[in-house]
Amino acid sequence: MPNARTKPACGCPVAAFQKIISGKYKLRIVWDLKDGPLRYSEIRSGLLRGIEGTGEIAPRVLSRELKALAENGLIDRKDFGVVPPKVEYRLTAKGRSFVPVIAAIRDWGSAHLGGHVRQAQAA
């Protein structure tokens, strides 16, 4: 049974989808997890890779994004219960089913925004 966060708003699956993925880092987190589980620090460093002029993501912001993805059933958090703390994040089946959608977005962006992306990075 879907929780209130994933229930379609007014019966609109597009609005529900938009609410699930809203946020600056959610798509990139899911994309980075496509190849297997990652620890918090690996996710954080992956978010900083490839974007010039980007400041570091605040730990509170990353924690909030990870928690929201877990609440929506896209990722799973595994705490190993050891000292020092070891926590891994991995995609759930629902999260893995979302990877082709992100790949399609990436492909569309490559085909239609290539020049715009380079111009924005140069500015």
N, C-alpha and C. Protein backbone atom coordinates (compact mmCIF):
# COMPACT_ATOMS: atom_id res chain seq x y z
N MET A 1 0.85 -1.18 0.00
CA MET A 1 0.00 0.00 0.00
C MET A 1 0.89 1.24 0.00
N PRO A 2 0.71 2.18 -0.96
CA PRO A 2 1.55 3.37 -1.02
C PRO A 2 1.29 4.28 0.16
N ASN A 3 2.35 4.94 0.65
CA ASN A 3 2.15 5.88 1.73
C ASN A 3 1.71 7.22 1.16
N ALA A 4 1.45 8.19 2.02
CA ALA A 4 0.93 9.47 1.58
C ALA A 4 1.92 10.20 0.67
N ARG A 5 3.22 9.95 0.83
CA ARG A 5 4.23 10.65 0.02
C ARG A 5 4.22 10.18 -1.43
N THR A 6 3.83 8.93 -1.69
CA THR A 6 3.88 8.42 -3.06
C THR A 6 2.51 8.30 -3.70
N LYS A 7 1.46 8.61 -2.97
CA LYS A 7 0.11 8.53 -3.51
C LYS A 7 -0.08 9.64 -4.55
N PRO A 8 -0.57 9.29 -5.74
CA PRO A 8 -0.72 10.31 -6.77
C PRO A 8 -1.60 11.46 -6.31
N ALA A 9 -1.13 12.70 -6.51
CA ALA A 9 -1.89 13.89 -6.17
C ALA A 9 -3.00 14.04 -7.20
N CYS A 10 -4.21 14.13 -6.75
CA CYS A 10 -5.37 14.28 -7.63
C CYS A 10 -5.40 13.21 -8.70
N GLY A 11 -4.88 12.04 -8.41
CA GLY A 11 -4.90 10.96 -9.37
C GLY A 11 -3.91 11.12 -10.51
N CYS A 12 -2.97 12.06 -10.39
CA CYS A 12 -2.04 12.33 -11.47
C CYS A 12 -0.68 11.68 -11.19
N PRO A 13 -0.32 10.64 -11.94
CA PRO A 13 0.96 9.98 -11.70
C PRO A 13 2.16 10.88 -12.02
N VAL A 14 2.00 11.84 -12.92
CA VAL A 14 3.11 12.75 -13.23
C VAL A 14 3.41 13.64 -12.03
N ALA A 15 2.38 14.14 -11.37
CA ALA A 15 2.58 14.97 -10.18
C ALA A 15 3.21 14.15 -9.06
N ALA A 16 2.77 12.90 -8.90
CA ALA A 16 3.35 12.03 -7.87
C ALA A 16 4.82 11.75 -8.16
N PHE A 17 5.13 11.49 -9.43
CA PHE A 17 6.51 11.25 -9.85
C PHE A 17 7.36 12.49 -9.58
N GLN A 18 6.85 13.65 -9.93
CA GLN A 18 7.59 14.90 -9.72
C GLN A 18 7.88 15.12 -8.24
N LYS A 19 6.94 14.79 -7.39
CA LYS A 19 7.15 14.96 -5.95
C LYS A 19 8.24 14.01 -5.44
N ILE A 20 8.26 12.78 -5.95
CA ILE A 20 9.25 11.80 -5.51
C ILE A 20 10.66 12.23 -5.90
N ILE A 21 10.84 12.78 -7.10
CA ILE A 21 12.19 13.09 -7.58
C ILE A 21 12.57 14.55 -7.37
N SER A 22 11.69 15.36 -6.78
CA SER A 22 12.04 16.75 -6.57
C SER A 22 13.23 16.83 -5.63
N GLY A 23 14.06 17.78 -5.87
CA GLY A 23 15.29 17.93 -5.10
C GLY A 23 16.48 17.93 -6.04
N LYS A 24 17.52 18.59 -5.62
CA LYS A 24 18.67 18.82 -6.48
C LYS A 24 19.48 17.56 -6.77
N TYR A 25 19.47 16.59 -5.87
CA TYR A 25 20.41 15.47 -5.97
C TYR A 25 19.79 14.10 -6.17
N LYS A 26 18.49 13.96 -6.06
CA LYS A 26 17.87 12.62 -6.06
C LYS A 26 18.16 11.82 -7.32
N LEU A 27 18.00 12.42 -8.48
CA LEU A 27 18.26 11.68 -9.72
C LEU A 27 19.71 11.22 -9.79
N ARG A 28 20.62 12.10 -9.39
CA ARG A 28 22.05 11.74 -9.45
C ARG A 28 22.38 10.65 -8.44
N ILE A 29 21.76 10.66 -7.28
CA ILE A 29 22.01 9.60 -6.29
C ILE A 29 21.56 8.26 -6.85
N VAL A 30 20.35 8.21 -7.38
CA VAL A 30 19.84 6.95 -7.95
C VAL A 30 20.76 6.50 -9.08
N TRP A 31 21.17 7.42 -9.93
CA TRP A 31 22.04 7.08 -11.05
C TRP A 31 23.37 6.50 -10.54
N ASP A 32 23.95 7.12 -9.52
CA ASP A 32 25.23 6.65 -8.99
C ASP A 32 25.10 5.28 -8.33
N LEU A 33 23.92 4.94 -7.83
CA LEU A 33 23.72 3.64 -7.17
C LEU A 33 23.41 2.52 -8.17
N LYS A 34 23.28 2.84 -9.44
CA LYS A 34 22.90 1.82 -10.43
C LYS A 34 23.91 0.69 -10.54
N ASP A 35 25.18 0.97 -10.23
CA ASP A 35 26.22 -0.05 -10.36
C ASP A 35 26.45 -0.86 -9.09
N GLY A 36 25.70 -0.56 -8.04
CA GLY A 36 25.85 -1.32 -6.80
C GLY A 36 25.85 -0.43 -5.58
N PRO A 37 25.89 -1.04 -4.40
CA PRO A 37 25.80 -0.27 -3.16
C PRO A 37 27.00 0.66 -2.97
N LEU A 38 26.71 1.79 -2.32
CA LEU A 38 27.73 2.77 -2.00
C LEU A 38 27.56 3.23 -0.55
N ARG A 39 28.67 3.63 0.03
CA ARG A 39 28.62 4.23 1.36
C ARG A 39 28.35 5.73 1.22
N TYR A 40 27.97 6.34 2.33
CA TYR A 40 27.62 7.76 2.36
C TYR A 40 28.71 8.62 1.72
N SER A 41 29.97 8.41 2.11
CA SER A 41 31.07 9.24 1.60
C SER A 41 31.26 9.04 0.10
N GLU A 42 31.01 7.83 -0.40
CA GLU A 42 31.14 7.58 -1.84
C GLU A 42 30.04 8.29 -2.62
N ILE A 43 28.83 8.31 -2.05
CA ILE A 43 27.73 9.03 -2.69
C ILE A 43 28.04 10.52 -2.71
N ARG A 44 28.52 11.02 -1.59
CA ARG A 44 28.85 12.45 -1.48
C ARG A 44 29.92 12.85 -2.48
N SER A 45 30.98 12.08 -2.59
CA SER A 45 32.04 12.42 -3.54
C SER A 45 31.56 12.29 -4.98
N GLY A 46 30.67 11.35 -5.24
CA GLY A 46 30.11 11.20 -6.59
C GLY A 46 29.28 12.39 -7.01
N LEU A 47 28.60 13.02 -6.06
CA LEU A 47 27.78 14.19 -6.37
C LEU A 47 28.64 15.40 -6.72
N LEU A 48 29.88 15.41 -6.28
CA LEU A 48 30.77 16.53 -6.56
C LEU A 48 31.56 16.34 -7.84
N ARG A 49 31.53 15.13 -8.39
CA ARG A 49 32.32 14.80 -9.57
C ARG A 49 31.65 15.35 -10.83
N GLY A 50 32.44 15.99 -11.67
CA GLY A 50 31.97 16.36 -12.99
C GLY A 50 31.22 17.68 -13.10
N ILE A 51 31.06 18.40 -12.02
CA ILE A 51 30.38 19.68 -12.11
C ILE A 51 31.31 20.76 -11.57
N GLU A 52 31.83 21.55 -12.49
CA GLU A 52 32.76 22.60 -12.09
C GLU A 52 32.01 23.72 -11.37
N GLY A 53 32.66 24.30 -10.39
CA GLY A 53 32.07 25.42 -9.67
C GLY A 53 31.01 25.03 -8.66
N THR A 54 30.85 23.74 -8.42
CA THR A 54 29.85 23.29 -7.46
C THR A 54 30.48 23.21 -6.08
N GLY A 55 29.83 23.82 -5.12
CA GLY A 55 30.30 23.73 -3.75
C GLY A 55 29.97 22.36 -3.19
N GLU A 56 30.52 22.07 -2.05
CA GLU A 56 30.25 20.77 -1.42
C GLU A 56 28.81 20.71 -0.95
N ILE A 57 28.24 19.52 -1.06
CA ILE A 57 26.88 19.31 -0.56
C ILE A 57 26.93 19.25 0.96
N ALA A 58 26.03 19.93 1.60
CA ALA A 58 25.97 19.92 3.06
C ALA A 58 25.52 18.53 3.53
N PRO A 59 26.16 17.99 4.57
CA PRO A 59 25.76 16.67 5.07
C PRO A 59 24.28 16.57 5.39
N ARG A 60 23.70 17.63 5.93
CA ARG A 60 22.28 17.62 6.27
C ARG A 60 21.42 17.47 5.01
N VAL A 61 21.82 18.13 3.94
CA VAL A 61 21.07 18.05 2.67
C VAL A 61 21.15 16.64 2.10
N LEU A 62 22.35 16.06 2.09
CA LEU A 62 22.50 14.70 1.57
C LEU A 62 21.71 13.72 2.41
N SER A 63 21.77 13.86 3.71
CA SER A 63 21.01 12.96 4.59
C SER A 63 19.51 13.07 4.32
N ARG A 64 19.04 14.28 4.10
CA ARG A 64 17.61 14.50 3.82
C ARG A 64 17.22 13.84 2.48
N GLU A 65 18.06 13.99 1.46
CA GLU A 65 17.76 13.38 0.16
C GLU A 65 17.75 11.85 0.27
N LEU A 66 18.74 11.28 0.97
CA LEU A 66 18.79 9.83 1.14
C LEU A 66 17.57 9.32 1.91
N LYS A 67 17.19 10.03 2.95
CA LYS A 67 16.02 9.63 3.74
C LYS A 67 14.75 9.66 2.89
N ALA A 68 14.60 10.70 2.08
CA ALA A 68 13.40 10.81 1.22
C ALA A 68 13.37 9.68 0.19
N LEU A 69 14.52 9.36 -0.39
CA LEU A 69 14.57 8.26 -1.36
C LEU A 69 14.22 6.93 -0.70
N ALA A 70 14.68 6.74 0.53
CA ALA A 70 14.36 5.51 1.26
C ALA A 70 12.87 5.46 1.60
N GLU A 71 12.30 6.58 2.04
CA GLU A 71 10.87 6.63 2.38
C GLU A 71 9.99 6.35 1.16
N ASN A 72 10.47 6.74 -0.01
CA ASN A 72 9.71 6.49 -1.24
C ASN A 72 10.00 5.14 -1.85
N GLY A 73 10.84 4.34 -1.20
CA GLY A 73 11.08 2.97 -1.64
C GLY A 73 12.05 2.82 -2.79
N LEU A 74 12.83 3.87 -3.11
CA LEU A 74 13.77 3.78 -4.22
C LEU A 74 15.13 3.22 -3.79
N ILE A 75 15.50 3.48 -2.53
CA ILE A 75 16.77 2.96 -2.02
C ILE A 75 16.54 2.28 -0.68
N ASP A 76 17.51 1.46 -0.32
CA ASP A 76 17.49 0.76 0.95
C ASP A 76 18.76 1.14 1.71
N ARG A 77 18.63 1.37 3.00
CA ARG A 77 19.76 1.73 3.85
C ARG A 77 20.10 0.54 4.74
N LYS A 78 21.35 0.10 4.67
CA LYS A 78 21.78 -1.03 5.49
C LYS A 78 22.84 -0.55 6.48
N ASP A 79 22.50 -0.63 7.76
CA ASP A 79 23.42 -0.25 8.84
C ASP A 79 24.04 -1.53 9.38
N PHE A 80 25.37 -1.62 9.32
CA PHE A 80 26.07 -2.82 9.74
C PHE A 80 26.24 -2.91 11.25
N GLY A 81 25.90 -1.84 11.98
CA GLY A 81 25.96 -1.86 13.44
C GLY A 81 27.35 -2.06 14.01
N VAL A 82 28.35 -1.49 13.37
CA VAL A 82 29.73 -1.61 13.84
C VAL A 82 30.28 -0.22 14.15
N VAL A 83 31.41 -0.22 14.88
CA VAL A 83 32.12 1.01 15.18
C VAL A 83 33.48 0.92 14.53
N PRO A 84 33.89 1.89 13.73
CA PRO A 84 33.13 3.07 13.32
C PRO A 84 31.94 2.69 12.46
N PRO A 85 30.94 3.59 12.41
CA PRO A 85 29.70 3.26 11.69
C PRO A 85 29.96 2.91 10.22
N LYS A 86 29.27 1.88 9.76
CA LYS A 86 29.31 1.50 8.35
C LYS A 86 27.87 1.37 7.88
N VAL A 87 27.53 2.19 6.91
CA VAL A 87 26.18 2.21 6.34
C VAL A 87 26.33 2.17 4.82
N GLU A 88 25.53 1.34 4.18
CA GLU A 88 25.51 1.27 2.72
C GLU A 88 24.11 1.58 2.22
N TYR A 89 24.08 2.16 1.03
CA TYR A 89 22.82 2.45 0.36
C TYR A 89 22.81 1.68 -0.95
N ARG A 90 21.66 1.09 -1.28
CA ARG A 90 21.53 0.35 -2.52
C ARG A 90 20.14 0.58 -3.09
N LEU A 91 20.00 0.37 -4.38
CA LEU A 91 18.70 0.52 -5.02
C LEU A 91 17.80 -0.66 -4.67
N THR A 92 16.54 -0.38 -4.48
CA THR A 92 15.53 -1.43 -4.34
C THR A 92 15.10 -1.82 -5.75
N ALA A 93 14.22 -2.79 -5.85
CA ALA A 93 13.68 -3.18 -7.16
C ALA A 93 12.99 -1.98 -7.81
N LYS A 94 12.27 -1.22 -7.02
CA LYS A 94 11.60 -0.02 -7.52
C LYS A 94 12.64 0.98 -8.03
N GLY A 95 13.72 1.15 -7.29
CA GLY A 95 14.79 2.06 -7.70
C GLY A 95 15.47 1.60 -8.98
N ARG A 96 15.71 0.29 -9.09
CA ARG A 96 16.34 -0.25 -10.30
C ARG A 96 15.43 -0.04 -11.52
N SER A 97 14.11 -0.12 -11.30
CA SER A 97 13.19 0.08 -12.42
C SER A 97 13.19 1.53 -12.89
N PHE A 98 13.72 2.43 -12.08
CA PHE A 98 13.78 3.86 -12.39
C PHE A 98 15.02 4.23 -13.21
N VAL A 99 16.05 3.40 -13.17
CA VAL A 99 17.31 3.69 -13.87
C VAL A 99 17.11 3.91 -15.38
N PRO A 100 16.31 3.09 -16.07
CA PRO A 100 16.10 3.36 -17.51
C PRO A 100 15.45 4.72 -17.78
N VAL A 101 14.64 5.19 -16.86
CA VAL A 101 14.01 6.51 -17.01
C VAL A 101 15.09 7.59 -16.95
N ILE A 102 16.01 7.47 -16.00
CA ILE A 102 17.10 8.44 -15.88
C ILE A 102 18.01 8.35 -17.10
N ALA A 103 18.25 7.14 -17.60
CA ALA A 103 19.06 6.98 -18.80
C ALA A 103 18.41 7.68 -19.99
N ALA A 104 17.10 7.59 -20.09
CA ALA A 104 16.39 8.27 -21.18
C ALA A 104 16.52 9.79 -21.03
N ILE A 105 16.45 10.29 -19.81
CA ILE A 105 16.63 11.72 -19.56
C ILE A 105 18.05 12.14 -19.95
N ARG A 106 19.03 11.33 -19.57
CA ARG A 106 20.43 11.61 -19.93
C ARG A 106 20.60 11.64 -21.44
N ASP A 107 20.02 10.66 -22.14
CA ASP A 107 20.14 10.60 -23.59
C ASP A 107 19.47 11.80 -24.25
N TRP A 108 18.30 12.18 -23.75
CA TRP A 108 17.61 13.34 -24.29
C TRP A 108 18.45 14.59 -24.07
N GLY A 109 19.02 14.74 -22.87
CA GLY A 109 19.87 15.89 -22.58
C GLY A 109 21.09 15.94 -23.47
N SER A 110 21.70 14.78 -23.72
CA SER A 110 22.87 14.73 -24.61
C SER A 110 22.51 15.16 -26.02
N ALA A 111 21.34 14.75 -26.48
CA ALA A 111 20.91 15.06 -27.84
C ALA A 111 20.44 16.50 -28.00
N HIS A 112 19.82 17.06 -26.97
CA HIS A 112 19.17 18.35 -27.13
C HIS A 112 19.75 19.49 -26.31
N LEU A 113 20.57 19.20 -25.33
CA LEU A 113 21.08 20.26 -24.46
C LEU A 113 22.59 20.37 -24.46
N GLY A 114 23.26 19.61 -25.29
CA GLY A 114 24.73 19.59 -25.29
C GLY A 114 25.33 20.98 -25.32
N GLY A 115 24.91 21.83 -26.24
CA GLY A 115 25.45 23.18 -26.34
C GLY A 115 25.06 24.04 -25.16
N HIS A 116 23.83 23.89 -24.68
CA HIS A 116 23.36 24.68 -23.54
C HIS A 116 24.13 24.34 -22.27
N VAL A 117 24.44 23.07 -22.08
CA VAL A 117 25.17 22.64 -20.88
C VAL A 117 26.56 23.24 -20.90
N ARG A 118 27.24 23.18 -22.06
CA ARG A 118 28.59 23.74 -22.16
C ARG A 118 28.57 25.25 -21.93
N GLN A 119 27.56 25.96 -22.47
CA GLN A 119 27.46 27.39 -22.28
C GLN A 119 27.22 27.74 -20.82
N ALA A 120 26.37 26.97 -20.13
CA ALA A 120 26.09 27.24 -18.72
C ALA A 120 27.32 27.02 -17.86
N GLN A 121 28.12 25.98 -18.19
CA GLN A 121 29.32 25.73 -17.41
C GLN A 121 30.37 26.80 -17.65
N ALA A 122 30.40 27.39 -18.85
CA ALA A 122 31.38 28.42 -19.17
C ALA A 122 31.03 29.76 -18.51
N ALA A 123 29.75 29.98 -18.25
CA ALA A 123 29.30 31.26 -17.68
C ALA A 123 29.70 31.43 -16.24
